[in-house]
Amino acid sequence: MKAEYDFSNAKRAKDVPHLVKLQAAAAKGKTRVTMYLDDSVLDAFRSRAQVEGKGDQTLINDTLKQSVITHDEPMTEETLRRVIREELRAT
């Protein structure tokens, strides 16, 4: 890694067409979050995602979305853990 980088010719994201497109897509109802998941949970979702031909993040999102839609209870940490356990048992 260089000690110093020259960004004098760098472009802003808004000036790079494919980055503009990515930013627009991200603005359509999704929010980037950082969260910690148990390794075993993540491994299970990754395995299942590979079998289903989906991305693991997509599968996690679909699982959470389905839980919110089908249950009237609030999404608490306990509810989230229960949903993840149910999904792990289903695999």
PDB file of N, CA and C in Angstrom:
ATOM      1  N   MET A   1       0.842  -1.174   0.000  1.00  0.00           N
ATOM      2  CA  MET A   1       0.000   0.000   0.000  1.00  0.00           C
ATOM      3  C   MET A   1       0.885   1.234   0.000  1.00  0.00           C
ATOM      4  N   LYS A   2       0.523   2.193  -0.804  1.00  0.00           N
ATOM      5  CA  LYS A   2       1.300   3.420  -0.877  1.00  0.00           C
ATOM      6  C   LYS A   2       1.116   4.248   0.390  1.00  0.00           C
ATOM      7  N   ALA A   3       2.131   5.023   0.715  1.00  0.00           N
ATOM      8  CA  ALA A   3       2.030   5.906   1.866  1.00  0.00           C
ATOM      9  C   ALA A   3       1.098   7.067   1.560  1.00  0.00           C
ATOM     10  N   GLU A   4       1.010   7.452   0.290  1.00  0.00           N
ATOM     11  CA  GLU A   4       0.172   8.578  -0.095  1.00  0.00           C
ATOM     12  C   GLU A   4      -0.421   8.317  -1.483  1.00  0.00           C
ATOM     13  N   TYR A   5      -1.656   8.714  -1.684  1.00  0.00           N
ATOM     14  CA  TYR A   5      -2.325   8.526  -2.961  1.00  0.00           C
ATOM     15  C   TYR A   5      -2.695   9.883  -3.562  1.00  0.00           C
ATOM     16  N   ASP A   6      -2.694   9.949  -4.879  1.00  0.00           N
ATOM     17  CA  ASP A   6      -3.027  11.183  -5.582  1.00  0.00           C
ATOM     18  C   ASP A   6      -4.469  11.093  -6.094  1.00  0.00           C
ATOM     19  N   PHE A   7      -5.357  11.875  -5.485  1.00  0.00           N
ATOM     20  CA  PHE A   7      -6.755  11.885  -5.882  1.00  0.00           C
ATOM     21  C   PHE A   7      -7.104  13.140  -6.685  1.00  0.00           C
ATOM     22  N   SER A   8      -6.114  13.820  -7.210  1.00  0.00           N
ATOM     23  CA  SER A   8      -6.365  15.071  -7.918  1.00  0.00           C
ATOM     24  C   SER A   8      -7.203  14.872  -9.181  1.00  0.00           C
ATOM     25  N   ASN A   9      -7.166  13.700  -9.788  1.00  0.00           N
ATOM     26  CA  ASN A   9      -7.953  13.427 -10.998  1.00  0.00           C
ATOM     27  C   ASN A   9      -9.176  12.560 -10.723  1.00  0.00           C
ATOM     28  N   ALA A  10      -9.482  12.348  -9.459  1.00  0.00           N
ATOM     29  CA  ALA A  10     -10.620  11.499  -9.100  1.00  0.00           C
ATOM     30  C   ALA A  10     -11.933  12.181  -9.449  1.00  0.00           C
ATOM     31  N   LYS A  11     -12.934  11.361  -9.762  1.00  0.00           N
ATOM     32  CA  LYS A  11     -14.267  11.873 -10.077  1.00  0.00           C
ATOM     33  C   LYS A  11     -15.191  11.609  -8.898  1.00  0.00           C
ATOM     34  N   ARG A  12     -16.181  12.465  -8.738  1.00  0.00           N
ATOM     35  CA  ARG A  12     -17.210  12.241  -7.724  1.00  0.00           C
ATOM     36  C   ARG A  12     -18.144  11.140  -8.227  1.00  0.00           C
ATOM     37  N   ALA A  13     -18.764  10.421  -7.304  1.00  0.00           N
ATOM     38  CA  ALA A  13     -19.674   9.334  -7.673  1.00  0.00           C
ATOM     39  C   ALA A  13     -20.772   9.818  -8.610  1.00  0.00           C
ATOM     40  N   LYS A  14     -21.248  11.045  -8.403  1.00  0.00           N
ATOM     41  CA  LYS A  14     -22.327  11.563  -9.246  1.00  0.00           C
ATOM     42  C   LYS A  14     -21.886  11.794 -10.687  1.00  0.00           C
ATOM     43  N   ASP A  15     -20.577  11.769 -10.936  1.00  0.00           N
ATOM     44  CA  ASP A  15     -20.052  11.969 -12.287  1.00  0.00           C
ATOM     45  C   ASP A  15     -19.684  10.662 -12.986  1.00  0.00           C
ATOM     46  N   VAL A  16     -19.929   9.535 -12.340  1.00  0.00           N
ATOM     47  CA  VAL A  16     -19.622   8.221 -12.910  1.00  0.00           C
ATOM     48  C   VAL A  16     -20.961   7.501 -13.133  1.00  0.00           C
ATOM     49  N   PRO A  17     -21.352   7.316 -14.404  1.00  0.00           N
ATOM     50  CA  PRO A  17     -22.701   6.798 -14.708  1.00  0.00           C
ATOM     51  C   PRO A  17     -23.089   5.513 -13.981  1.00  0.00           C
ATOM     52  N   HIS A  18     -22.210   4.515 -13.918  1.00  0.00           N
ATOM     53  CA  HIS A  18     -22.625   3.266 -13.268  1.00  0.00           C
ATOM     54  C   HIS A  18     -22.777   3.434 -11.768  1.00  0.00           C
ATOM     55  N   LEU A  19     -22.042   4.355 -11.157  1.00  0.00           N
ATOM     56  CA  LEU A  19     -22.217   4.612  -9.728  1.00  0.00           C
ATOM     57  C   LEU A  19     -23.518   5.371  -9.464  1.00  0.00           C
ATOM     58  N   VAL A  20     -23.884   6.258 -10.363  1.00  0.00           N
ATOM     59  CA  VAL A  20     -25.161   6.973 -10.248  1.00  0.00           C
ATOM     60  C   VAL A  20     -26.306   5.965 -10.285  1.00  0.00           C
ATOM     61  N   LYS A  21     -26.198   4.996 -11.205  1.00  0.00           N
ATOM     62  CA  LYS A  21     -27.231   3.973 -11.338  1.00  0.00           C
ATOM     63  C   LYS A  21     -27.324   3.126 -10.063  1.00  0.00           C
ATOM     64  N   LEU A  22     -26.185   2.741  -9.498  1.00  0.00           N
ATOM     65  CA  LEU A  22     -26.177   1.963  -8.252  1.00  0.00           C
ATOM     66  C   LEU A  22     -26.781   2.744  -7.100  1.00  0.00           C
ATOM     67  N   GLN A  23     -26.436   4.016  -6.998  1.00  0.00           N
ATOM     68  CA  GLN A  23     -26.977   4.842  -5.924  1.00  0.00           C
ATOM     69  C   GLN A  23     -28.485   5.008  -6.073  1.00  0.00           C
ATOM     70  N   ALA A  24     -28.965   5.152  -7.296  1.00  0.00           N
ATOM     71  CA  ALA A  24     -30.407   5.288  -7.530  1.00  0.00           C
ATOM     72  C   ALA A  24     -31.130   4.004  -7.145  1.00  0.00           C
ATOM     73  N   ALA A  25     -30.541   2.871  -7.483  1.00  0.00           N
ATOM     74  CA  ALA A  25     -31.156   1.587  -7.136  1.00  0.00           C
ATOM     75  C   ALA A  25     -31.199   1.404  -5.625  1.00  0.00           C
ATOM     76  N   ALA A  26     -30.153   1.812  -4.940  1.00  0.00           N
ATOM     77  CA  ALA A  26     -30.094   1.677  -3.487  1.00  0.00           C
ATOM     78  C   ALA A  26     -31.104   2.584  -2.803  1.00  0.00           C
ATOM     79  N   ALA A  27     -31.470   3.674  -3.444  1.00  0.00           N
ATOM     80  CA  ALA A  27     -32.402   4.621  -2.844  1.00  0.00           C
ATOM     81  C   ALA A  27     -33.852   4.152  -2.940  1.00  0.00           C
ATOM     82  N   LYS A  28     -34.108   3.063  -3.628  1.00  0.00           N
ATOM     83  CA  LYS A  28     -35.474   2.583  -3.834  1.00  0.00           C
ATOM     84  C   LYS A  28     -35.911   1.620  -2.739  1.00  0.00           C
ATOM     85  N   GLY A  29     -36.026   2.104  -1.529  1.00  0.00           N
ATOM     86  CA  GLY A  29     -36.628   1.310  -0.471  1.00  0.00           C
ATOM     87  C   GLY A  29     -35.711   0.382   0.293  1.00  0.00           C
ATOM     88  N   LYS A  30     -34.419   0.519   0.136  1.00  0.00           N
ATOM     89  CA  LYS A  30     -33.499  -0.317   0.905  1.00  0.00           C
ATOM     90  C   LYS A  30     -32.507   0.572   1.641  1.00  0.00           C
ATOM     91  N   THR A  31     -32.076   0.101   2.796  1.00  0.00           N
ATOM     92  CA  THR A  31     -31.129   0.830   3.609  1.00  0.00           C
ATOM     93  C   THR A  31     -29.991  -0.102   3.995  1.00  0.00           C
ATOM     94  N   ARG A  32     -28.784   0.382   3.842  1.00  0.00           N
ATOM     95  CA  ARG A  32     -27.618  -0.399   4.242  1.00  0.00           C
ATOM     96  C   ARG A  32     -27.530  -0.395   5.770  1.00  0.00           C
ATOM     97  N   VAL A  33     -27.393  -1.589   6.355  1.00  0.00           N
ATOM     98  CA  VAL A  33     -27.232  -1.713   7.807  1.00  0.00           C
ATOM     99  C   VAL A  33     -26.045  -2.622   8.095  1.00  0.00           C
ATOM    100  N   THR A  34     -25.512  -2.458   9.264  1.00  0.00           N
ATOM    101  CA  THR A  34     -24.450  -3.342   9.735  1.00  0.00           C
ATOM    102  C   THR A  34     -24.986  -4.067  10.953  1.00  0.00           C
ATOM    103  N   MET A  35     -24.896  -5.389  10.937  1.00  0.00           N
ATOM    104  CA  MET A  35     -25.361  -6.168  12.079  1.00  0.00           C
ATOM    105  C   MET A  35     -24.504  -7.417  12.225  1.00  0.00           C
ATOM    106  N   TYR A  36     -24.485  -7.946  13.416  1.00  0.00           N
ATOM    107  CA  TYR A  36     -23.737  -9.162  13.686  1.00  0.00           C
ATOM    108  C   TYR A  36     -24.690 -10.345  13.720  1.00  0.00           C
ATOM    109  N   LEU A  37     -24.310 -11.408  13.023  1.00  0.00           N
ATOM    110  CA  LEU A  37     -25.068 -12.653  13.035  1.00  0.00           C
ATOM    111  C   LEU A  37     -24.142 -13.763  13.522  1.00  0.00           C
ATOM    112  N   ASP A  38     -24.721 -14.749  14.165  1.00  0.00           N
ATOM    113  CA  ASP A  38     -23.924 -15.906  14.576  1.00  0.00           C
ATOM    114  C   ASP A  38     -23.346 -16.569  13.337  1.00  0.00           C
ATOM    115  N   ASP A  39     -22.130 -17.088  13.463  1.00  0.00           N
ATOM    116  CA  ASP A  39     -21.488 -17.759  12.329  1.00  0.00           C
ATOM    117  C   ASP A  39     -22.337 -18.910  11.803  1.00  0.00           C
ATOM    118  N   SER A  40     -22.944 -19.660  12.721  1.00  0.00           N
ATOM    119  CA  SER A  40     -23.756 -20.800  12.294  1.00  0.00           C
ATOM    120  C   SER A  40     -24.985 -20.349  11.512  1.00  0.00           C
ATOM    121  N   VAL A  41     -25.557 -19.215  11.887  1.00  0.00           N
ATOM    122  CA  VAL A  41     -26.718 -18.674  11.172  1.00  0.00           C
ATOM    123  C   VAL A  41     -26.312 -18.253   9.767  1.00  0.00           C
ATOM    124  N   LEU A  42     -25.216 -17.534   9.687  1.00  0.00           N
ATOM    125  CA  LEU A  42     -24.744 -17.065   8.392  1.00  0.00           C
ATOM    126  C   LEU A  42     -24.359 -18.237   7.491  1.00  0.00           C
ATOM    127  N   ASP A  43     -23.689 -19.238   8.052  1.00  0.00           N
ATOM    128  CA  ASP A  43     -23.325 -20.428   7.272  1.00  0.00           C
ATOM    129  C   ASP A  43     -24.571 -21.125   6.717  1.00  0.00           C
ATOM    130  N   ALA A  44     -25.602 -21.217   7.551  1.00  0.00           N
ATOM    131  CA  ALA A  44     -26.831 -21.879   7.112  1.00  0.00           C
ATOM    132  C   ALA A  44     -27.491 -21.105   5.981  1.00  0.00           C
ATOM    133  N   PHE A  45     -27.552 -19.775   6.107  1.00  0.00           N
ATOM    134  CA  PHE A  45     -28.152 -18.976   5.047  1.00  0.00           C
ATOM    135  C   PHE A  45     -27.321 -19.041   3.770  1.00  0.00           C
ATOM    136  N   ARG A  46     -26.012 -19.052   3.905  1.00  0.00           N
ATOM    137  CA  ARG A  46     -25.155 -19.138   2.721  1.00  0.00           C
ATOM    138  C   ARG A  46     -25.349 -20.473   2.006  1.00  0.00           C
ATOM    139  N   SER A  47     -25.426 -21.547   2.776  1.00  0.00           N
ATOM    140  CA  SER A  47     -25.641 -22.872   2.176  1.00  0.00           C
ATOM    141  C   SER A  47     -26.981 -22.938   1.468  1.00  0.00           C
ATOM    142  N   ARG A  48     -28.002 -22.448   2.154  1.00  0.00           N
ATOM    143  CA  ARG A  48     -29.346 -22.476   1.574  1.00  0.00           C
ATOM    144  C   ARG A  48     -29.429 -21.577   0.340  1.00  0.00           C
ATOM    145  N   ALA A  49     -28.772 -20.431   0.402  1.00  0.00           N
ATOM    146  CA  ALA A  49     -28.781 -19.506  -0.728  1.00  0.00           C
ATOM    147  C   ALA A  49     -28.113 -20.129  -1.951  1.00  0.00           C
ATOM    148  N   GLN A  50     -27.049 -20.862  -1.720  1.00  0.00           N
ATOM    149  CA  GLN A  50     -26.348 -21.514  -2.828  1.00  0.00           C
ATOM    150  C   GLN A  50     -27.250 -22.562  -3.481  1.00  0.00           C
ATOM    151  N   VAL A  51     -27.950 -23.318  -2.662  1.00  0.00           N
ATOM    152  CA  VAL A  51     -28.863 -24.340  -3.185  1.00  0.00           C
ATOM    153  C   VAL A  51     -29.996 -23.699  -3.980  1.00  0.00           C
ATOM    154  N   GLU A  52     -30.522 -22.572  -3.475  1.00  0.00           N
ATOM    155  CA  GLU A  52     -31.654 -21.911  -4.124  1.00  0.00           C
ATOM    156  C   GLU A  52     -31.230 -20.973  -5.253  1.00  0.00           C
ATOM    157  N   GLY A  53     -29.917 -20.761  -5.393  1.00  0.00           N
ATOM    158  CA  GLY A  53     -29.431 -19.880  -6.447  1.00  0.00           C
ATOM    159  C   GLY A  53     -29.684 -18.409  -6.182  1.00  0.00           C
ATOM    160  N   LYS A  54     -29.729 -18.038  -4.913  1.00  0.00           N
ATOM    161  CA  LYS A  54     -29.945 -16.652  -4.510  1.00  0.00           C
ATOM    162  C   LYS A  54     -28.725 -16.178  -3.736  1.00  0.00           C
ATOM    163  N   GLY A  55     -28.685 -14.876  -3.501  1.00  0.00           N
ATOM    164  CA  GLY A  55     -27.658 -14.328  -2.632  1.00  0.00           C
ATOM    165  C   GLY A  55     -28.055 -14.530  -1.178  1.00  0.00           C
ATOM    166  N   ASP A  56     -27.074 -14.679  -0.296  1.00  0.00           N
ATOM    167  CA  ASP A  56     -27.389 -14.903   1.110  1.00  0.00           C
ATOM    168  C   ASP A  56     -28.096 -13.694   1.727  1.00  0.00           C
ATOM    169  N   GLN A  57     -27.703 -12.486   1.354  1.00  0.00           N
ATOM    170  CA  GLN A  57     -28.360 -11.298   1.893  1.00  0.00           C
ATOM    171  C   GLN A  57     -29.800 -11.207   1.405  1.00  0.00           C
ATOM    172  N   THR A  58     -30.032 -11.599   0.164  1.00  0.00           N
ATOM    173  CA  THR A  58     -31.390 -11.613  -0.372  1.00  0.00           C
ATOM    174  C   THR A  58     -32.247 -12.596   0.400  1.00  0.00           C
ATOM    175  N   LEU A  59     -31.700 -13.762   0.693  1.00  0.00           N
ATOM    176  CA  LEU A  59     -32.438 -14.779   1.422  1.00  0.00           C
ATOM    177  C   LEU A  59     -32.740 -14.324   2.851  1.00  0.00           C
ATOM    178  N   ILE A  60     -31.788 -13.688   3.506  1.00  0.00           N
ATOM    179  CA  ILE A  60     -32.012 -13.165   4.850  1.00  0.00           C
ATOM    180  C   ILE A  60     -33.104 -12.095   4.803  1.00  0.00           C
ATOM    181  N   ASN A  61     -33.035 -11.193   3.823  1.00  0.00           N
ATOM    182  CA  ASN A  61     -34.049 -10.149   3.683  1.00  0.00           C
ATOM    183  C   ASN A  61     -35.427 -10.755   3.436  1.00  0.00           C
ATOM    184  N   ASP A  62     -35.502 -11.741   2.549  1.00  0.00           N
ATOM    185  CA  ASP A  62     -36.781 -12.395   2.257  1.00  0.00           C
ATOM    186  C   ASP A  62     -37.358 -13.053   3.503  1.00  0.00           C
ATOM    187  N   THR A  63     -36.496 -13.686   4.294  1.00  0.00           N
ATOM    188  CA  THR A  63     -36.934 -14.351   5.518  1.00  0.00           C
ATOM    189  C   THR A  63     -37.489 -13.344   6.517  1.00  0.00           C
ATOM    190  N   LEU A  64     -36.774 -12.240   6.695  1.00  0.00           N
ATOM    191  CA  LEU A  64     -37.250 -11.209   7.623  1.00  0.00           C
ATOM    192  C   LEU A  64     -38.548 -10.578   7.126  1.00  0.00           C
ATOM    193  N   LYS A  65     -38.612 -10.316   5.827  1.00  0.00           N
ATOM    194  CA  LYS A  65     -39.818  -9.720   5.238  1.00  0.00           C
ATOM    195  C   LYS A  65     -41.015 -10.639   5.452  1.00  0.00           C
ATOM    196  N   GLN A  66     -40.835 -11.924   5.193  1.00  0.00           N
ATOM    197  CA  GLN A  66     -41.920 -12.891   5.367  1.00  0.00           C
ATOM    198  C   GLN A  66     -42.377 -12.940   6.817  1.00  0.00           C
ATOM    199  N   SER A  67     -41.445 -12.857   7.732  1.00  0.00           N
ATOM    200  CA  SER A  67     -41.792 -12.884   9.145  1.00  0.00           C
ATOM    201  C   SER A  67     -42.606 -11.662   9.535  1.00  0.00           C
ATOM    202  N   VAL A  68     -42.223 -10.513   9.029  1.00  0.00           N
ATOM    203  CA  VAL A  68     -42.935  -9.274   9.347  1.00  0.00           C
ATOM    204  C   VAL A  68     -44.341  -9.306   8.756  1.00  0.00           C
ATOM    205  N   ILE A  69     -44.474  -9.827   7.560  1.00  0.00           N
ATOM    206  CA  ILE A  69     -45.773  -9.865   6.884  1.00  0.00           C
ATOM    207  C   ILE A  69     -46.715 -10.864   7.542  1.00  0.00           C
ATOM    208  N   THR A  70     -46.203 -12.021   7.938  1.00  0.00           N
ATOM    209  CA  THR A  70     -47.067 -13.089   8.433  1.00  0.00           C
ATOM    210  C   THR A  70     -47.316 -13.040   9.932  1.00  0.00           C
ATOM    211  N   HIS A  71     -46.603 -12.226  10.645  1.00  0.00           N
ATOM    212  CA  HIS A  71     -46.778 -12.144  12.096  1.00  0.00           C
ATOM    213  C   HIS A  71     -47.182 -10.730  12.483  1.00  0.00           C
ATOM    214  N   ASP A  72     -48.112 -10.640  13.387  1.00  0.00           N
ATOM    215  CA  ASP A  72     -48.539  -9.332  13.859  1.00  0.00           C
ATOM    216  C   ASP A  72     -47.716  -8.839  15.037  1.00  0.00           C
ATOM    217  N   GLU A  73     -46.858  -9.694  15.543  1.00  0.00           N
ATOM    218  CA  GLU A  73     -46.049  -9.289  16.689  1.00  0.00           C
ATOM    219  C   GLU A  73     -44.918  -8.369  16.241  1.00  0.00           C
ATOM    220  N   PRO A  74     -44.467  -7.491  17.143  1.00  0.00           N
ATOM    221  CA  PRO A  74     -43.389  -6.563  16.767  1.00  0.00           C
ATOM    222  C   PRO A  74     -42.078  -7.301  16.529  1.00  0.00           C
ATOM    223  N   MET A  75     -41.221  -6.714  15.699  1.00  0.00           N
ATOM    224  CA  MET A  75     -39.923  -7.310  15.400  1.00  0.00           C
ATOM    225  C   MET A  75     -38.948  -6.925  16.518  1.00  0.00           C
ATOM    226  N   THR A  76     -38.883  -7.783  17.508  1.00  0.00           N
ATOM    227  CA  THR A  76     -37.948  -7.583  18.610  1.00  0.00           C
ATOM    228  C   THR A  76     -36.746  -8.484  18.384  1.00  0.00           C
ATOM    229  N   GLU A  77     -35.736  -8.326  19.203  1.00  0.00           N
ATOM    230  CA  GLU A  77     -34.561  -9.205  19.091  1.00  0.00           C
ATOM    231  C   GLU A  77     -34.975 -10.657  19.291  1.00  0.00           C
ATOM    232  N   GLU A  78     -35.867 -10.888  20.246  1.00  0.00           N
ATOM    233  CA  GLU A  78     -36.338 -12.247  20.510  1.00  0.00           C
ATOM    234  C   GLU A  78     -37.075 -12.815  19.298  1.00  0.00           C
ATOM    235  N   THR A  79     -37.909 -11.992  18.667  1.00  0.00           N
ATOM    236  CA  THR A  79     -38.636 -12.427  17.472  1.00  0.00           C
ATOM    237  C   THR A  79     -37.675 -12.748  16.340  1.00  0.00           C
ATOM    238  N   LEU A  80     -36.690 -11.881  16.136  1.00  0.00           N
ATOM    239  CA  LEU A  80     -35.696 -12.102  15.093  1.00  0.00           C
ATOM    240  C   LEU A  80     -34.950 -13.416  15.324  1.00  0.00           C
ATOM    241  N   ARG A  81     -34.527 -13.651  16.551  1.00  0.00           N
ATOM    242  CA  ARG A  81     -33.819 -14.903  16.857  1.00  0.00           C
ATOM    243  C   ARG A  81     -34.711 -16.118  16.600  1.00  0.00           C
ATOM    244  N   ARG A  82     -36.008 -16.009  16.962  1.00  0.00           N
ATOM    245  CA  ARG A  82     -36.936 -17.115  16.743  1.00  0.00           C
ATOM    246  C   ARG A  82     -37.083 -17.405  15.251  1.00  0.00           C
ATOM    247  N   VAL A  83     -37.218 -16.358  14.455  1.00  0.00           N
ATOM    248  CA  VAL A  83     -37.372 -16.531  13.008  1.00  0.00           C
ATOM    249  C   VAL A  83     -36.138 -17.194  12.424  1.00  0.00           C
ATOM    250  N   ILE A  84     -34.979 -16.746  12.828  1.00  0.00           N
ATOM    251  CA  ILE A  84     -33.739 -17.327  12.312  1.00  0.00           C
ATOM    252  C   ILE A  84     -33.638 -18.798  12.710  1.00  0.00           C
ATOM    253  N   ARG A  85     -34.000 -19.119  13.956  1.00  0.00           N
ATOM    254  CA  ARG A  85     -33.977 -20.528  14.385  1.00  0.00           C
ATOM    255  C   ARG A  85     -34.933 -21.366  13.536  1.00  0.00           C
ATOM    256  N   GLU A  86     -36.142 -20.826  13.275  1.00  0.00           N
ATOM    257  CA  GLU A  86     -37.105 -21.555  12.441  1.00  0.00           C
ATOM    258  C   GLU A  86     -36.568 -21.811  11.051  1.00  0.00           C
ATOM    259  N   GLU A  87     -35.914 -20.814  10.493  1.00  0.00           N
ATOM    260  CA  GLU A  87     -35.333 -20.964   9.146  1.00  0.00           C
ATOM    261  C   GLU A  87     -34.198 -21.987   9.146  1.00  0.00           C
ATOM    262  N   LEU A  88     -33.421 -22.015  10.215  1.00  0.00           N
ATOM    263  CA  LEU A  88     -32.328 -22.985  10.289  1.00  0.00           C
ATOM    264  C   LEU A  88     -32.884 -24.407  10.368  1.00  0.00           C
ATOM    265  N   ARG A  89     -33.959 -24.568  11.106  1.00  0.00           N
ATOM    266  CA  ARG A  89     -34.581 -25.898  11.202  1.00  0.00           C
ATOM    267  C   ARG A  89     -35.156 -26.343   9.866  1.00  0.00           C
ATOM    268  N   ALA A  90     -35.579 -25.387   9.059  1.00  0.00           N
ATOM    269  CA  ALA A  90     -36.196 -25.697   7.756  1.00  0.00           C
ATOM    270  C   ALA A  90     -35.175 -26.183   6.740  1.00  0.00           C
ATOM    271  N   THR A  91     -33.889 -25.940   6.991  1.00  0.00           N
ATOM    272  CA  THR A  91     -32.871 -26.320   5.996  1.00  0.00           C
ATOM    273  C   THR A  91     -32.419 -27.734   6.194  1.00  0.00           C
TER     274      THR A  91
END
